[in-house]
Amino acid sequence: MFEGQPQQELEALMKSDPEFRQLYHRHRELDKQVLDAELGVLPLDDSTLGRMKKEKLNAKDRLTRMFDQRRH
């Protein structure tokens, strides 16, 4: 996420905004868990996996909005 964006801007936002930092880490955690589940390393039922994917997408959308608001 945020590939192609200035790393300095992302780091500054991580330092200055605790909500952004927490949400960013949650998104990364969910991303790893979803990948592990899809690879069969983390056994999850379809319902739980679907819920995690939805939460991950919502986190990404919120992070993107927060990042864009800071840039403008």
N, C-alpha and C. Protein backbone atom coordinates (compact mmCIF):
# COMPACT_ATOMS: atom_id res chain seq x y z
N MET A 1 0.84 -1.17 0.00
CA MET A 1 0.00 0.00 0.00
C MET A 1 0.88 1.23 0.00
N PHE A 2 0.47 2.28 -0.63
CA PHE A 2 1.18 3.55 -0.74
C PHE A 2 2.47 3.43 -1.55
N GLU A 3 2.53 2.41 -2.40
CA GLU A 3 3.66 2.30 -3.29
C GLU A 3 3.63 3.50 -4.24
N GLY A 4 4.78 4.03 -4.52
CA GLY A 4 4.85 5.18 -5.42
C GLY A 4 4.59 6.51 -4.73
N GLN A 5 4.25 6.48 -3.46
CA GLN A 5 4.04 7.70 -2.69
C GLN A 5 5.35 8.07 -1.99
N PRO A 6 5.58 9.36 -1.79
CA PRO A 6 6.81 9.77 -1.09
C PRO A 6 6.88 9.14 0.31
N GLN A 7 7.94 8.39 0.55
CA GLN A 7 8.13 7.70 1.82
C GLN A 7 8.17 8.68 2.98
N GLN A 8 8.73 9.86 2.76
CA GLN A 8 8.84 10.86 3.82
C GLN A 8 7.46 11.31 4.30
N GLU A 9 6.52 11.45 3.37
CA GLU A 9 5.17 11.85 3.74
C GLU A 9 4.50 10.77 4.59
N LEU A 10 4.68 9.53 4.19
CA LEU A 10 4.10 8.42 4.94
C LEU A 10 4.70 8.35 6.34
N GLU A 11 6.00 8.47 6.44
CA GLU A 11 6.67 8.42 7.74
C GLU A 11 6.23 9.57 8.64
N ALA A 12 6.09 10.76 8.07
CA ALA A 12 5.65 11.93 8.85
C ALA A 12 4.24 11.71 9.38
N LEU A 13 3.38 11.16 8.56
CA LEU A 13 2.00 10.90 8.99
C LEU A 13 1.97 9.81 10.06
N MET A 14 2.81 8.81 9.92
CA MET A 14 2.88 7.74 10.92
C MET A 14 3.31 8.32 12.28
N LYS A 15 4.23 9.26 12.27
CA LYS A 15 4.73 9.86 13.51
C LYS A 15 3.72 10.82 14.13
N SER A 16 3.02 11.56 13.28
CA SER A 16 2.16 12.64 13.79
C SER A 16 0.73 12.22 14.09
N ASP A 17 0.28 11.10 13.54
CA ASP A 17 -1.13 10.72 13.68
C ASP A 17 -1.25 9.30 14.24
N PRO A 18 -1.53 9.19 15.54
CA PRO A 18 -1.63 7.86 16.16
C PRO A 18 -2.74 6.99 15.55
N GLU A 19 -3.83 7.60 15.13
CA GLU A 19 -4.92 6.83 14.52
C GLU A 19 -4.46 6.22 13.20
N PHE A 20 -3.77 7.01 12.40
CA PHE A 20 -3.25 6.51 11.13
C PHE A 20 -2.26 5.38 11.38
N ARG A 21 -1.36 5.57 12.32
CA ARG A 21 -0.33 4.56 12.64
C ARG A 21 -0.99 3.24 13.08
N GLN A 22 -1.98 3.33 13.97
CA GLN A 22 -2.66 2.15 14.47
C GLN A 22 -3.40 1.43 13.34
N LEU A 23 -4.10 2.20 12.51
CA LEU A 23 -4.84 1.62 11.40
C LEU A 23 -3.90 1.00 10.37
N TYR A 24 -2.76 1.64 10.14
CA TYR A 24 -1.77 1.12 9.20
C TYR A 24 -1.24 -0.24 9.68
N HIS A 25 -0.93 -0.33 10.96
CA HIS A 25 -0.43 -1.59 11.52
C HIS A 25 -1.51 -2.67 11.50
N ARG A 26 -2.75 -2.28 11.76
CA ARG A 26 -3.86 -3.24 11.71
C ARG A 26 -4.03 -3.77 10.28
N HIS A 27 -3.94 -2.90 9.30
CA HIS A 27 -4.06 -3.32 7.90
C HIS A 27 -2.95 -4.30 7.55
N ARG A 28 -1.74 -4.02 7.97
CA ARG A 28 -0.61 -4.93 7.68
C ARG A 28 -0.82 -6.28 8.35
N GLU A 29 -1.33 -6.27 9.59
CA GLU A 29 -1.61 -7.51 10.31
C GLU A 29 -2.67 -8.33 9.57
N LEU A 30 -3.75 -7.67 9.17
CA LEU A 30 -4.81 -8.35 8.43
C LEU A 30 -4.30 -8.89 7.10
N ASP A 31 -3.46 -8.11 6.43
CA ASP A 31 -2.91 -8.53 5.14
C ASP A 31 -2.13 -9.83 5.31
N LYS A 32 -1.31 -9.91 6.33
CA LYS A 32 -0.53 -11.12 6.59
C LYS A 32 -1.44 -12.30 6.93
N GLN A 33 -2.44 -12.07 7.76
CA GLN A 33 -3.34 -13.15 8.15
C GLN A 33 -4.15 -13.68 6.96
N VAL A 34 -4.63 -12.75 6.13
CA VAL A 34 -5.40 -13.16 4.95
C VAL A 34 -4.51 -13.96 4.01
N LEU A 35 -3.29 -13.51 3.79
CA LEU A 35 -2.38 -14.24 2.93
C LEU A 35 -2.09 -15.63 3.50
N ASP A 36 -1.82 -15.71 4.80
CA ASP A 36 -1.58 -17.00 5.44
C ASP A 36 -2.78 -17.93 5.29
N ALA A 37 -3.97 -17.37 5.44
CA ALA A 37 -5.19 -18.19 5.30
C ALA A 37 -5.34 -18.69 3.87
N GLU A 38 -5.05 -17.83 2.90
CA GLU A 38 -5.18 -18.23 1.50
C GLU A 38 -4.14 -19.27 1.11
N LEU A 39 -2.99 -19.23 1.78
CA LEU A 39 -1.94 -20.22 1.51
C LEU A 39 -2.16 -21.52 2.29
N GLY A 40 -3.13 -21.52 3.19
CA GLY A 40 -3.43 -22.70 3.98
C GLY A 40 -2.61 -22.82 5.25
N VAL A 41 -1.82 -21.79 5.56
CA VAL A 41 -0.98 -21.80 6.76
C VAL A 41 -1.82 -21.49 8.00
N LEU A 42 -2.82 -20.64 7.83
CA LEU A 42 -3.69 -20.24 8.93
C LEU A 42 -5.09 -20.76 8.62
N PRO A 43 -5.53 -21.79 9.34
CA PRO A 43 -6.86 -22.35 9.04
C PRO A 43 -7.98 -21.42 9.53
N LEU A 44 -8.77 -20.95 8.59
CA LEU A 44 -9.92 -20.09 8.90
C LEU A 44 -11.12 -20.56 8.09
N ASP A 45 -12.29 -20.38 8.66
CA ASP A 45 -13.50 -20.69 7.90
C ASP A 45 -13.77 -19.53 6.93
N ASP A 46 -14.59 -19.79 5.94
CA ASP A 46 -14.86 -18.79 4.90
C ASP A 46 -15.47 -17.52 5.45
N SER A 47 -16.32 -17.65 6.45
CA SER A 47 -16.97 -16.49 7.04
C SER A 47 -15.94 -15.57 7.71
N THR A 48 -15.05 -16.15 8.47
CA THR A 48 -14.02 -15.37 9.15
C THR A 48 -13.08 -14.73 8.14
N LEU A 49 -12.69 -15.47 7.13
CA LEU A 49 -11.81 -14.93 6.10
C LEU A 49 -12.49 -13.77 5.38
N GLY A 50 -13.75 -13.92 5.06
CA GLY A 50 -14.50 -12.85 4.40
C GLY A 50 -14.58 -11.61 5.26
N ARG A 51 -14.81 -11.79 6.55
CA ARG A 51 -14.88 -10.66 7.47
C ARG A 51 -13.53 -9.94 7.55
N MET A 52 -12.46 -10.72 7.58
CA MET A 52 -11.12 -10.13 7.64
C MET A 52 -10.80 -9.36 6.37
N LYS A 53 -11.19 -9.90 5.24
CA LYS A 53 -10.95 -9.20 3.97
C LYS A 53 -11.72 -7.89 3.91
N LYS A 54 -12.94 -7.91 4.42
CA LYS A 54 -13.75 -6.69 4.43
C LYS A 54 -13.12 -5.64 5.36
N GLU A 55 -12.69 -6.07 6.54
CA GLU A 55 -12.04 -5.15 7.48
C GLU A 55 -10.76 -4.59 6.88
N LYS A 56 -10.01 -5.43 6.20
CA LYS A 56 -8.77 -4.98 5.56
C LYS A 56 -9.06 -3.93 4.49
N LEU A 57 -10.07 -4.16 3.68
CA LEU A 57 -10.44 -3.21 2.63
C LEU A 57 -10.92 -1.89 3.24
N ASN A 58 -11.73 -1.97 4.29
CA ASN A 58 -12.19 -0.76 4.96
C ASN A 58 -11.03 0.03 5.54
N ALA A 59 -10.05 -0.67 6.11
CA ALA A 59 -8.87 -0.02 6.67
C ALA A 59 -8.09 0.67 5.55
N LYS A 60 -7.93 -0.01 4.43
CA LYS A 60 -7.20 0.57 3.31
C LYS A 60 -7.89 1.83 2.80
N ASP A 61 -9.21 1.76 2.66
CA ASP A 61 -9.96 2.94 2.19
C ASP A 61 -9.79 4.11 3.14
N ARG A 62 -9.89 3.84 4.43
CA ARG A 62 -9.75 4.90 5.44
C ARG A 62 -8.33 5.48 5.42
N LEU A 63 -7.33 4.62 5.34
CA LEU A 63 -5.94 5.08 5.28
C LEU A 63 -5.70 5.95 4.06
N THR A 64 -6.24 5.54 2.93
CA THR A 64 -6.07 6.31 1.70
C THR A 64 -6.71 7.69 1.83
N ARG A 65 -7.91 7.74 2.39
CA ARG A 65 -8.57 9.04 2.60
C ARG A 65 -7.76 9.92 3.54
N MET A 66 -7.28 9.34 4.63
CA MET A 66 -6.49 10.11 5.60
C MET A 66 -5.20 10.63 4.95
N PHE A 67 -4.53 9.80 4.16
CA PHE A 67 -3.30 10.19 3.49
C PHE A 67 -3.58 11.31 2.50
N ASP A 68 -4.63 11.16 1.71
CA ASP A 68 -4.97 12.17 0.71
C ASP A 68 -5.35 13.50 1.35
N GLN A 69 -6.06 13.46 2.48
CA GLN A 69 -6.45 14.69 3.17
C GLN A 69 -5.21 15.43 3.68
N ARG A 70 -4.23 14.70 4.13
CA ARG A 70 -2.99 15.32 4.63
C ARG A 70 -2.19 15.97 3.51
N ARG A 71 -2.30 15.43 2.32
CA ARG A 71 -1.52 15.94 1.19
C ARG A 71 -2.15 17.18 0.59
N HIS A 72 -3.42 17.41 0.84
CA HIS A 72 -4.10 18.57 0.23
C HIS A 72 -4.38 19.64 1.22
